[in-house]
Amino acid sequence: MAMPDPELDLDDVPTKSKPLRTLEEAKWIRKGYVLATLALLTLFLLSGFGFTHIGHGTTSLAAPTILSYLRTLNADLRTTRADYEEIYPEFESSVFTDFNPPAWNATTDGCNPNSAKLKVFMYDLPAQFHYGMLAEDEHLFDKTQTWPRNVTAMPHYPGGLYQQHSPEYWLISDVLTSDMPDRTSPCTAFRVRDWQVADVILVPYFASLSYNKYSRQIGTKRHSLDRNQELQAELLAFLKAQPAWTARREDHVVVIHHPNSMVAMRKEFRRVMFVVADFGRYGSEVANLMKDVVAPYKHVIPSFSEDTNAAASFNSRPTLLFFQGAIVRKEGGVIRQQLYNLLRREPDVVFATGATTSAGIRSATTGMRGSKFCLHLAGDTPSSNRLFDAVASHCVPLIISDEIELPFEDVLDYSQFCIFVNASDALRKGFVTNLLRTFPVEDWARMHARLREVSRHFEWQHPSEAGDAVHMTWEAIARKVPALTLSRHKRQRYARSQLADTPPAPNVAIL
C-alpha cells in the first residue's frame, strides 16, 4: 500500500487537485469583488443617512424595522413604566412584569402568617395609651376595654395637622387586625402571642397624639407632671415589669414621629428602635439611622390622582417654584428668610407665608398642583410634611435641607424624582432660578412619571395595601432585624460562663 507523502499536508489536497484559472477568469473575479464592495458601501452609506435623518426628528415611512426597535429600546431605558405606556399604548403591560420589586407585587388573599416578613408581639396595654385617646369623652371610655370592640370600624384619628404625625395609628391598627380571620388585605407584619418567637416587640403607644393632646402649654405652671408626662412614666413602669423588656429591650419598637414626643423619657428608651420623622431633635446616643427607622409624614394635601399625563401636567403648571409656610424660623430654618429675600421678586416664583388652617391647606393644594417645582426647606427640623404634600401633588420637590434623612432611602433613589441643592449653593444669587429654568422638559417628565409611581409608598391607610407606607415601614423595620439578632447573639456568648462565675449562696443551717 502506498504511504502518504510526508511533505504533503492533507489540507492542501483539494486545492492542488483543482485546475488553474485563466488570466481572463481571474480578472472577472477581481472585478466582481470590487463591484460587490461598492454595492455594500453604498447600502451602508444610505443606511447611515437614514439613521442621521431620523435622529434629527424626521421619520421616513420606509424606515427599517430595526429603527422602530431601537426607539423602543431607548424608551425602555429612559422612561418609567407610566411613560412607556403613554408612548406605546399598543404594547402589552406584560413587558413590565418584573418592574416592581417582588415584595410590592403582593397578592390580596389576606394576611398570611407564612408569607409575612415580620413576626410582631404587641403588648396589651390599657386603652389610655392608644385608642382611648380617640374617644370623644375619655371619662366615659370603658377602662376595662383594651382594644376597640369592632376592629373592622376603627375609631378615627384626629384630623388637621394631627394627621401628619399619625404613623403610630396606622402601624398599630395594621398589627391589631393582622390575625383577624376576615382580613382580606395583605400584610408584611403578623401578630404573634409569644414574645419569645417574635422578631420585634411593638409598644402600642400613641406618643405623638399624647404630646399634641396632653402637653402643658408653654408659660403655664410646672409644679406637677402634665398628662403627657404621666403617661410616659406609667408606660415605663409597665414595661419594667415585663420579662421581654429585661431580656430584649433592643427589639422593642416605639413610634415617636412627632419631634417633641416622649421627651420626658427618651433616655430611658434610648436602646429601643424608634420610628421617627427625622433626627433633628435627638442626640445621636438616643436616636440614629443605625438602629432607628425614618417614616414619612402623612400628607395633608389630597392626592392628585387625576394628574396622569406628563405633557399635559407640565403645560398646566404656570408657576416655576412654589413655597408656602412660615418664613421666619429658628436654628436650621434661618435659610428660609435668606432664600425668601433672594426669590420674592422673581415673577414665576411663589414664596408666601401660610397658615395651617383649612383655607391654608386649600391654598397650598392649588399652589402645588399649579407648580412645576415645590420647595422643601429646612425649618425647625430638617423635614416636614411639605415634601410629601409635593409628592402627592406630583410637583417635583426641590430639597434644600443638608441634614435631612429620608424614608426608605435604602430601597428608593430619591434623585429620580427630587432635586437636591446644598444650602450654600442655594444662597448664591440666581442659582436656584437658573437651575430650574434650564431644567430639561424631558427630565421633568421622567421625574413626574416617577412621582406618580412612588407616591403610593407614602400613603398611610387602613386597611393597608401592598407597597403603601404601612408595608414600607414594616419592611424597613424587618431590614433591621438581622442586626438586632446578631447583637442579641453576641450578648449571649458569655452568659453561661458569667453565670458559673457567680459565687454560690452560703449554706444556712436550719435549727
Protein backbone atom coordinates (compact mmCIF):
# COMPACT_ATOMS: atom_id res chain seq x y z
CA MET A 1 0.00 0.00 0.00
CA ALA A 2 1.38 3.41 -0.95
CA MET A 3 2.24 5.63 2.01
CA PRO A 4 1.20 9.32 2.00
CA ASP A 5 3.84 11.82 1.05
CA PRO A 6 5.28 13.24 4.31
CA GLU A 7 5.79 16.63 2.60
CA LEU A 8 2.08 16.96 1.65
CA ASP A 9 -0.43 18.49 4.12
CA LEU A 10 -3.82 16.79 3.78
CA ASP A 11 -5.49 20.23 3.83
CA ASP A 12 -3.79 21.01 0.51
CA VAL A 13 -5.15 18.02 -1.38
CA PRO A 14 -8.41 19.56 -2.65
CA THR A 15 -6.68 22.74 -3.69
CA LYS A 16 -3.94 21.03 -5.59
CA SER A 17 -6.44 18.88 -7.48
CA LYS A 18 -8.31 21.93 -8.93
CA PRO A 19 -7.39 23.20 -12.44
CA LEU A 20 -5.68 26.58 -12.55
CA ARG A 21 -7.80 29.64 -13.57
CA THR A 22 -7.04 31.50 -16.73
CA LEU A 23 -5.93 35.13 -16.70
CA GLU A 24 -9.33 36.34 -18.02
CA GLU A 25 -11.21 34.40 -15.34
CA ALA A 26 -9.04 35.95 -12.63
CA LYS A 27 -9.73 39.48 -13.97
CA TRP A 28 -13.52 38.95 -13.90
CA ILE A 29 -13.37 37.62 -10.32
CA ARG A 30 -11.41 40.69 -9.18
CA LYS A 31 -14.00 42.94 -10.90
CA GLY A 32 -16.78 41.07 -9.07
CA TYR A 33 -15.16 41.67 -5.72
CA VAL A 34 -14.83 45.37 -6.48
CA LEU A 35 -18.48 45.68 -7.59
CA ALA A 36 -19.73 43.80 -4.51
CA THR A 37 -17.66 46.01 -2.24
CA LEU A 38 -19.04 49.17 -3.88
CA ALA A 39 -22.60 47.88 -3.52
CA LEU A 40 -22.17 47.12 0.18
CA LEU A 41 -20.56 50.52 0.76
CA THR A 42 -23.48 52.25 -0.97
CA LEU A 43 -26.02 50.39 1.20
CA PHE A 44 -24.09 51.28 4.33
CA LEU A 45 -23.98 54.98 3.42
CA LEU A 46 -27.71 55.01 2.64
CA SER A 47 -28.45 53.31 5.96
CA GLY A 48 -26.26 55.77 7.80
CA PHE A 49 -28.09 58.67 6.13
CA GLY A 50 -31.37 57.21 7.26
CA PHE A 51 -30.23 56.95 10.89
CA THR A 52 -28.96 60.55 10.94
CA HIS A 53 -32.14 61.84 9.36
CA ILE A 54 -34.40 60.20 11.96
CA GLY A 55 -32.16 61.37 14.73
CA HIS A 56 -32.93 64.91 13.60
CA GLY A 57 -36.62 64.40 14.08
CA THR A 58 -37.99 63.30 10.65
CA THR A 59 -39.40 59.79 10.37
CA SER A 60 -39.41 58.13 6.97
CA LEU A 61 -42.29 55.82 6.07
CA ALA A 62 -39.69 53.41 4.68
CA ALA A 63 -37.61 53.33 7.85
CA PRO A 64 -36.30 49.82 8.56
CA THR A 65 -37.94 47.78 11.30
CA ILE A 66 -34.75 47.94 13.36
CA LEU A 67 -35.21 51.70 13.79
CA SER A 68 -38.53 51.07 15.50
CA TYR A 69 -36.82 48.54 17.73
CA LEU A 70 -34.08 50.99 18.65
CA ARG A 71 -36.61 53.67 19.51
CA THR A 72 -38.49 51.16 21.67
CA LEU A 73 -35.28 50.08 23.40
CA ASN A 74 -34.34 53.69 24.01
CA ALA A 75 -37.72 54.41 25.53
CA ASP A 76 -37.33 51.32 27.70
CA LEU A 77 -34.06 52.58 29.07
CA ARG A 78 -35.02 56.22 29.52
CA THR A 79 -38.60 56.13 30.72
CA THR A 80 -40.61 54.67 33.51
CA ARG A 81 -43.49 52.29 33.14
CA ALA A 82 -46.09 55.07 33.04
CA ASP A 83 -44.23 57.00 30.32
CA TYR A 84 -43.71 53.79 28.32
CA GLU A 85 -47.44 53.07 28.28
CA GLU A 86 -48.16 56.64 27.15
CA ILE A 87 -45.66 56.42 24.28
CA TYR A 88 -46.50 52.86 23.19
CA PRO A 89 -50.11 52.13 24.23
CA GLU A 90 -50.26 49.17 21.83
CA PHE A 91 -47.65 47.21 23.81
CA GLU A 92 -48.91 44.80 26.46
CA SER A 93 -48.22 45.65 30.09
CA SER A 94 -46.57 42.24 30.49
CA VAL A 95 -43.38 43.91 29.24
CA PHE A 96 -43.08 45.27 32.79
CA THR A 97 -43.99 42.11 34.69
CA ASP A 98 -40.89 42.44 36.88
CA PHE A 99 -40.83 46.25 37.03
CA ASN A 100 -41.60 46.42 40.76
CA PRO A 101 -39.68 44.56 43.45
CA PRO A 102 -41.41 41.28 44.32
CA ALA A 103 -42.36 42.47 47.79
CA TRP A 104 -44.65 45.09 46.28
CA ASN A 105 -46.45 42.64 43.99
CA ALA A 106 -48.24 41.02 46.92
CA THR A 107 -51.48 39.17 46.37
CA THR A 108 -54.69 40.11 48.14
CA ASP A 109 -55.51 36.75 49.72
CA GLY A 110 -55.43 38.20 53.22
CA CYS A 111 -52.75 38.32 55.86
CA ASN A 112 -50.85 35.07 55.64
CA PRO A 113 -48.54 34.42 58.63
CA ASN A 114 -46.36 32.15 56.50
CA SER A 115 -45.62 34.88 53.96
CA ALA A 116 -45.40 37.81 56.40
CA LYS A 117 -41.84 39.11 56.73
CA LEU A 118 -42.12 40.14 60.35
CA LYS A 119 -43.48 38.42 63.45
CA VAL A 120 -44.62 41.13 65.87
CA PHE A 121 -45.53 40.75 69.52
CA MET A 122 -47.68 43.65 70.77
CA TYR A 123 -48.38 44.36 74.43
CA ASP A 124 -51.99 44.52 75.59
CA LEU A 125 -51.54 47.97 77.05
CA PRO A 126 -54.58 49.68 78.62
CA ALA A 127 -56.61 51.80 76.21
CA GLN A 128 -55.45 55.07 77.79
CA PHE A 129 -52.15 54.59 75.94
CA HIS A 130 -53.70 54.30 72.48
CA TYR A 131 -57.30 54.13 71.23
CA GLY A 132 -58.70 55.54 74.46
CA MET A 133 -57.23 58.90 73.39
CA LEU A 134 -59.58 58.85 70.39
CA ALA A 135 -62.78 58.71 72.45
CA GLU A 136 -64.93 61.83 72.26
CA ASP A 137 -65.31 61.73 76.04
CA GLU A 138 -62.39 59.87 77.56
CA HIS A 139 -64.04 59.83 81.00
CA LEU A 140 -66.84 57.69 79.58
CA PHE A 141 -64.44 55.27 77.89
CA ASP A 142 -64.65 51.71 79.21
CA LYS A 143 -61.47 51.33 81.27
CA THR A 144 -61.73 47.52 81.13
CA GLN A 145 -61.68 47.51 77.33
CA THR A 146 -58.15 47.20 75.93
CA TRP A 147 -58.85 47.27 72.20
CA PRO A 148 -61.76 48.59 70.12
CA ARG A 149 -64.64 46.13 70.17
CA ASN A 150 -65.18 46.43 66.43
CA VAL A 151 -61.76 46.35 64.79
CA THR A 152 -63.35 46.47 61.33
CA ALA A 153 -64.50 50.02 62.12
CA MET A 154 -61.60 51.62 63.95
CA PRO A 155 -62.14 54.96 65.73
CA HIS A 156 -60.80 57.77 63.59
CA TYR A 157 -57.53 59.54 64.30
CA PRO A 158 -57.97 63.33 64.75
CA GLY A 159 -57.82 65.38 61.55
CA GLY A 160 -55.99 68.55 60.62
CA LEU A 161 -52.30 68.76 61.42
CA TYR A 162 -52.62 65.90 63.91
CA GLN A 163 -52.72 63.66 60.84
CA GLN A 164 -49.18 64.40 59.73
CA HIS A 165 -47.71 62.53 62.73
CA SER A 166 -50.18 59.62 62.66
CA PRO A 167 -47.93 56.64 61.65
CA GLU A 168 -48.45 55.25 65.17
CA TYR A 169 -52.15 54.80 64.43
CA TRP A 170 -51.71 53.09 61.06
CA LEU A 171 -48.95 50.72 62.19
CA ILE A 172 -50.70 49.64 65.40
CA SER A 173 -54.04 49.21 63.60
CA ASP A 174 -52.35 47.08 60.96
CA VAL A 175 -50.86 44.70 63.53
CA LEU A 176 -54.04 44.63 65.61
CA THR A 177 -56.03 43.32 62.63
CA SER A 178 -53.31 41.10 61.16
CA ASP A 179 -54.59 37.90 62.76
CA MET A 180 -58.28 38.58 62.16
CA PRO A 181 -59.78 35.71 60.11
CA ASP A 182 -61.84 38.01 57.87
CA ARG A 183 -58.94 40.29 56.90
CA THR A 184 -58.60 40.45 53.10
CA SER A 185 -55.66 42.85 52.69
CA PRO A 186 -52.06 41.52 52.62
CA CYS A 187 -49.63 42.14 55.45
CA THR A 188 -45.92 42.46 55.99
CA ALA A 189 -46.19 42.16 59.78
CA PHE A 190 -48.18 39.46 61.60
CA ARG A 191 -49.08 39.49 65.28
CA VAL A 192 -47.84 36.62 67.44
CA ARG A 193 -48.83 35.98 71.06
CA ASP A 194 -45.44 34.83 72.35
CA TRP A 195 -42.74 37.48 72.61
CA GLN A 196 -40.02 34.83 72.56
CA VAL A 197 -40.80 33.87 68.94
CA ALA A 198 -41.30 37.46 67.75
CA ASP A 199 -38.85 39.37 65.57
CA VAL A 200 -39.77 42.67 67.23
CA ILE A 201 -41.92 43.78 70.17
CA LEU A 202 -44.29 46.67 69.48
CA VAL A 203 -45.23 49.13 72.22
CA PRO A 204 -48.74 50.38 71.28
CA TYR A 205 -48.44 53.96 72.50
CA PHE A 206 -49.79 56.98 70.60
CA ALA A 207 -46.82 59.14 71.62
CA SER A 208 -47.42 61.91 69.08
CA LEU A 209 -51.11 62.22 69.89
CA SER A 210 -50.29 62.23 73.60
CA TYR A 211 -47.96 65.17 73.06
CA ASN A 212 -50.49 67.07 70.94
CA LYS A 213 -53.42 66.49 73.31
CA TYR A 214 -51.94 66.48 76.79
CA SER A 215 -48.79 68.61 76.84
CA ARG A 216 -48.92 71.63 79.09
CA GLN A 217 -48.94 74.88 77.19
CA ILE A 218 -45.78 76.98 77.33
CA GLY A 219 -45.99 79.54 80.13
CA THR A 220 -48.28 77.53 82.42
CA LYS A 221 -47.26 76.40 85.89
CA ARG A 222 -44.96 73.38 86.09
CA HIS A 223 -45.35 72.25 89.70
CA SER A 224 -46.55 68.80 88.60
CA LEU A 225 -46.40 66.47 85.62
CA ASP A 226 -48.84 67.06 82.79
CA ARG A 227 -50.90 64.16 81.46
CA ASN A 228 -48.42 63.53 78.63
CA GLN A 229 -45.55 63.14 81.12
CA GLU A 230 -47.67 60.98 83.42
CA LEU A 231 -48.43 58.55 80.60
CA GLN A 232 -44.73 58.24 79.79
CA ALA A 233 -43.92 57.44 83.42
CA GLU A 234 -46.75 54.90 83.60
CA LEU A 235 -45.59 53.30 80.36
CA LEU A 236 -42.04 52.88 81.64
CA ALA A 237 -43.32 51.35 84.89
CA PHE A 238 -45.42 48.87 82.91
CA LEU A 239 -42.51 47.84 80.70
CA LYS A 240 -40.07 47.39 83.57
CA ALA A 241 -42.40 44.70 84.93
CA GLN A 242 -42.29 42.74 81.65
CA PRO A 243 -39.72 39.94 81.14
CA ALA A 244 -39.40 40.90 77.47
CA TRP A 245 -38.20 44.38 78.47
CA THR A 246 -35.38 42.91 80.53
CA ALA A 247 -34.39 40.23 78.02
CA ARG A 248 -34.86 42.01 74.69
CA ARG A 249 -35.12 45.75 75.16
CA GLU A 250 -33.35 46.47 71.86
CA ASP A 251 -36.06 44.57 69.97
CA HIS A 252 -38.82 46.89 71.18
CA VAL A 253 -40.34 49.31 68.65
CA VAL A 254 -41.77 52.67 69.77
CA VAL A 255 -43.27 55.15 67.30
CA ILE A 256 -42.30 58.73 68.25
CA HIS A 257 -42.96 60.53 64.98
CA HIS A 258 -43.64 63.99 66.40
CA PRO A 259 -40.23 65.56 67.14
CA ASN A 260 -41.38 66.52 70.67
CA SER A 261 -42.96 63.21 71.64
CA MET A 262 -41.56 61.14 74.55
CA VAL A 263 -39.24 63.98 75.59
CA ALA A 264 -39.52 63.15 79.30
CA MET A 265 -38.39 59.53 78.93
CA ARG A 266 -36.20 59.41 75.83
CA LYS A 267 -33.01 58.45 77.64
CA GLU A 268 -34.74 55.53 79.35
CA PHE A 269 -35.89 54.34 75.91
CA ARG A 270 -32.66 55.04 74.03
CA ARG A 271 -31.91 51.35 73.41
CA VAL A 272 -35.22 50.62 71.64
CA MET A 273 -35.92 51.01 67.92
CA PHE A 274 -37.68 54.31 67.29
CA VAL A 275 -39.85 55.16 64.29
CA VAL A 276 -39.18 58.87 63.71
CA ALA A 277 -39.76 61.65 61.20
CA ASP A 278 -36.10 62.73 61.33
CA PHE A 279 -33.24 63.06 63.81
CA GLY A 280 -33.30 66.84 64.20
CA ARG A 281 -34.17 66.93 67.90
CA TYR A 282 -32.38 63.84 69.15
CA GLY A 283 -28.88 63.27 70.37
CA SER A 284 -27.12 60.53 68.44
CA GLU A 285 -26.96 58.41 71.60
CA VAL A 286 -30.79 58.42 71.71
CA ALA A 287 -31.75 58.10 68.04
CA ASN A 288 -29.71 57.41 64.94
CA LEU A 289 -30.02 55.86 61.50
CA MET A 290 -28.17 52.71 62.54
CA LYS A 291 -30.88 51.45 64.91
CA ASP A 292 -33.96 53.51 64.05
CA VAL A 293 -36.36 53.88 61.12
CA VAL A 294 -37.45 57.06 59.34
CA ALA A 295 -41.12 57.02 58.32
CA PRO A 296 -42.91 59.52 56.07
CA TYR A 297 -45.34 62.14 57.28
CA LYS A 298 -48.94 61.65 56.29
CA HIS A 299 -49.52 64.23 53.59
CA VAL A 300 -52.21 66.82 54.34
CA ILE A 301 -52.88 67.82 50.73
CA PRO A 302 -55.15 65.36 48.85
CA SER A 303 -53.55 63.04 46.31
CA PHE A 304 -53.65 64.38 42.73
CA SER A 305 -54.92 61.10 41.26
CA GLU A 306 -56.30 62.61 38.04
CA ASP A 307 -52.88 64.02 37.06
CA THR A 308 -51.76 61.18 34.77
CA ASN A 309 -50.19 62.79 31.69
CA ALA A 310 -46.74 64.36 31.99
CA ALA A 311 -47.02 66.66 28.95
CA ALA A 312 -50.43 67.98 29.94
CA SER A 313 -49.30 68.40 33.53
CA PHE A 314 -46.21 70.39 32.54
CA ASN A 315 -48.24 72.77 30.39
CA SER A 316 -50.88 73.26 33.09
CA ARG A 317 -48.36 74.37 35.74
CA PRO A 318 -47.55 78.06 35.13
CA THR A 319 -45.59 78.58 38.37
CA LEU A 320 -41.92 77.63 38.28
CA LEU A 321 -41.34 77.24 42.03
CA PHE A 322 -43.77 77.20 44.97
CA PHE A 323 -43.35 77.54 48.71
CA GLN A 324 -45.97 78.28 51.34
CA GLY A 325 -45.24 78.22 55.04
CA ALA A 326 -43.61 80.03 57.92
CA ILE A 327 -40.71 82.11 56.65
CA VAL A 328 -39.10 83.14 59.93
CA ARG A 329 -37.82 80.05 61.75
CA LYS A 330 -35.14 79.41 64.34
CA GLU A 331 -32.00 77.26 64.26
CA GLY A 332 -31.68 75.41 60.92
CA GLY A 333 -34.59 77.32 59.44
CA VAL A 334 -32.78 80.66 59.08
CA ILE A 335 -32.18 79.79 55.42
CA ARG A 336 -35.87 80.41 54.76
CA GLN A 337 -35.58 84.13 55.40
CA GLN A 338 -32.40 84.37 53.32
CA LEU A 339 -33.86 82.50 50.37
CA TYR A 340 -37.08 84.48 50.60
CA ASN A 341 -35.09 87.69 50.14
CA LEU A 342 -33.46 86.21 47.02
CA LEU A 343 -36.62 84.86 45.37
CA ARG A 344 -39.50 87.08 46.41
CA ARG A 345 -39.31 89.33 43.33
CA GLU A 346 -38.99 86.54 40.76
CA PRO A 347 -42.09 86.68 38.51
CA ASP A 348 -42.61 82.92 38.22
CA VAL A 349 -41.88 82.07 41.87
CA VAL A 350 -44.45 81.94 44.68
CA PHE A 351 -42.81 82.28 48.11
CA ALA A 352 -45.54 83.08 50.60
CA THR A 353 -46.48 82.73 54.23
CA GLY A 354 -49.30 80.34 55.01
CA ALA A 355 -51.38 79.26 57.96
CA THR A 356 -52.18 75.67 58.88
CA THR A 357 -55.92 76.24 58.52
CA SER A 358 -58.42 74.75 56.09
CA ALA A 359 -58.02 77.82 53.91
CA GLY A 360 -54.24 77.46 54.06
CA ILE A 361 -54.42 73.81 53.02
CA ARG A 362 -56.70 74.70 50.09
CA SER A 363 -54.29 77.44 49.03
CA ALA A 364 -51.30 75.08 49.23
CA THR A 365 -53.18 72.44 47.23
CA THR A 366 -53.87 74.90 44.42
CA GLY A 367 -50.32 76.24 44.53
CA MET A 368 -48.58 72.85 44.42
CA ARG A 369 -50.79 71.49 41.67
CA GLY A 370 -50.07 74.58 39.60
CA SER A 371 -46.28 74.48 40.04
CA LYS A 372 -43.53 72.55 38.29
CA PHE A 373 -41.24 72.51 41.34
CA CYS A 374 -42.07 72.68 45.06
CA LEU A 375 -39.55 73.93 47.57
CA HIS A 376 -38.73 71.91 50.68
CA LEU A 377 -36.63 73.95 53.08
CA ALA A 378 -35.21 73.08 56.47
CA GLY A 379 -37.25 74.61 59.26
CA ASP A 380 -37.14 73.98 62.99
CA THR A 381 -36.40 70.37 61.96
CA PRO A 382 -34.81 69.03 58.75
CA SER A 383 -38.09 67.54 57.46
CA SER A 384 -41.77 68.41 57.22
CA ASN A 385 -44.92 67.08 55.61
CA ARG A 386 -44.39 69.65 52.82
CA LEU A 387 -42.16 67.17 50.98
CA PHE A 388 -44.87 64.50 50.98
CA ASP A 389 -47.53 67.04 50.01
CA ALA A 390 -45.36 67.79 46.97
CA VAL A 391 -45.10 64.08 46.11
CA ALA A 392 -48.88 63.71 46.41
CA SER A 393 -49.26 66.73 44.10
CA HIS A 394 -46.73 65.38 41.55
CA CYS A 395 -44.79 68.63 41.96
CA VAL A 396 -41.08 67.84 41.64
CA PRO A 397 -39.54 68.53 45.08
CA LEU A 398 -36.55 70.84 45.33
CA ILE A 399 -34.92 69.87 48.63
CA ILE A 400 -32.64 72.33 50.41
CA SER A 401 -32.01 70.67 53.75
CA ASP A 402 -28.49 69.42 54.32
CA GLU A 403 -29.32 67.32 57.41
CA ILE A 404 -32.44 65.59 56.09
CA GLU A 405 -32.86 61.82 56.33
CA LEU A 406 -35.47 60.34 54.00
CA PRO A 407 -37.80 57.36 54.44
CA PHE A 408 -36.83 54.10 52.75
CA GLU A 409 -33.80 55.61 51.03
CA ASP A 410 -32.05 52.24 51.09
CA VAL A 411 -34.61 51.00 48.53
CA LEU A 412 -35.77 54.27 46.90
CA ASP A 413 -33.49 56.50 44.83
CA TYR A 414 -34.83 59.99 45.57
CA SER A 415 -32.65 61.54 42.87
CA GLN A 416 -35.05 60.00 40.34
CA PHE A 417 -37.91 62.25 41.48
CA CYS A 418 -36.33 65.02 43.60
CA ILE A 419 -33.71 67.71 43.06
CA PHE A 420 -31.20 68.30 45.86
CA VAL A 421 -29.33 71.57 46.32
CA ASN A 422 -26.77 72.37 49.02
CA ALA A 423 -27.78 75.28 51.23
CA SER A 424 -24.57 77.13 50.35
CA ASP A 425 -25.34 76.89 46.61
CA ALA A 426 -28.98 77.85 47.07
CA LEU A 427 -27.96 81.16 48.66
CA ARG A 428 -25.93 82.18 45.60
CA LYS A 429 -27.88 84.81 43.71
CA GLY A 430 -29.63 83.36 40.66
CA PHE A 431 -28.50 79.78 41.30
CA VAL A 432 -31.92 78.26 42.03
CA THR A 433 -33.85 80.06 39.30
CA ASN A 434 -31.18 79.38 36.66
CA LEU A 435 -31.14 75.70 37.60
CA LEU A 436 -34.91 75.33 37.30
CA ARG A 437 -35.43 77.49 34.20
CA THR A 438 -32.87 75.46 32.26
CA PHE A 439 -34.10 72.10 33.55
CA PRO A 440 -34.84 69.86 30.51
CA VAL A 441 -38.53 69.24 29.90
CA GLU A 442 -37.93 65.54 29.22
CA ASP A 443 -36.15 65.18 32.59
CA TRP A 444 -39.07 66.86 34.34
CA ALA A 445 -41.47 64.48 32.56
CA ARG A 446 -39.47 61.47 33.77
CA MET A 447 -39.48 62.79 37.32
CA HIS A 448 -43.21 63.45 37.10
CA ALA A 449 -43.80 59.87 35.96
CA ARG A 450 -41.62 58.54 38.77
CA LEU A 451 -43.53 60.66 41.30
CA ARG A 452 -46.76 59.04 40.13
CA GLU A 453 -45.21 55.63 40.71
CA VAL A 454 -43.63 56.20 44.12
CA SER A 455 -46.48 58.22 45.62
CA ARG A 456 -48.21 55.04 46.79
CA HIS A 457 -45.23 54.26 49.02
CA PHE A 458 -46.11 57.34 51.10
CA GLU A 459 -49.83 56.59 51.56
CA TRP A 460 -50.91 55.82 55.11
CA GLN A 461 -54.21 53.94 55.19
CA HIS A 462 -56.25 51.20 56.83
CA PRO A 463 -56.76 48.59 55.58
CA SER A 464 -53.26 48.79 54.20
CA GLU A 465 -52.35 47.94 50.61
CA ALA A 466 -49.25 46.29 49.21
CA GLY A 467 -46.42 48.80 48.82
CA ASP A 468 -48.04 51.60 50.83
CA ALA A 469 -46.42 53.45 53.74
CA VAL A 470 -47.57 50.84 56.26
CA HIS A 471 -45.91 47.99 54.36
CA MET A 472 -42.82 50.05 53.50
CA THR A 473 -42.28 50.95 57.16
CA TRP A 474 -42.68 47.36 58.33
CA GLU A 475 -40.22 46.28 55.63
CA ALA A 476 -37.75 48.92 56.82
CA ILE A 477 -38.10 47.54 60.35
CA ALA A 478 -37.65 43.99 59.03
CA ARG A 479 -34.34 45.04 57.43
CA LYS A 480 -33.09 45.99 60.92
CA VAL A 481 -33.86 42.55 62.38
CA PRO A 482 -30.67 40.73 61.25
CA ALA A 483 -28.52 43.32 63.04
CA LEU A 484 -30.71 43.02 66.13
CA THR A 485 -30.38 39.24 66.06
CA LEU A 486 -26.60 39.44 65.65
CA SER A 487 -26.32 41.84 68.58
CA ARG A 488 -28.51 39.62 70.78
CA HIS A 489 -26.49 36.52 69.95
CA LYS A 490 -23.22 38.29 70.76
CA ARG A 491 -24.58 39.36 74.13
CA GLN A 492 -25.36 35.72 74.90
CA ARG A 493 -21.79 34.48 74.21
CA TYR A 494 -20.61 34.54 77.81
CA ALA A 495 -23.94 34.14 79.57
CA ARG A 496 -23.14 30.62 80.80
CA SER A 497 -19.57 31.34 81.92
CA GLN A 498 -20.63 34.51 83.73
CA LEU A 499 -23.34 32.53 85.49
CA ALA A 500 -20.80 29.87 86.52
CA ASP A 501 -18.55 32.59 87.95
CA THR A 502 -21.26 33.74 90.35
CA PRO A 503 -20.37 32.57 93.88
CA PRO A 504 -22.83 30.07 95.33
CA ALA A 505 -25.18 31.18 98.05
CA PRO A 506 -23.93 30.23 101.53
CA ASN A 507 -25.49 27.24 103.21
CA VAL A 508 -27.57 28.30 106.16
CA ALA A 509 -28.20 25.70 108.83
CA ILE A 510 -31.79 25.30 109.80
CA LEU A 511 -32.04 24.97 113.54
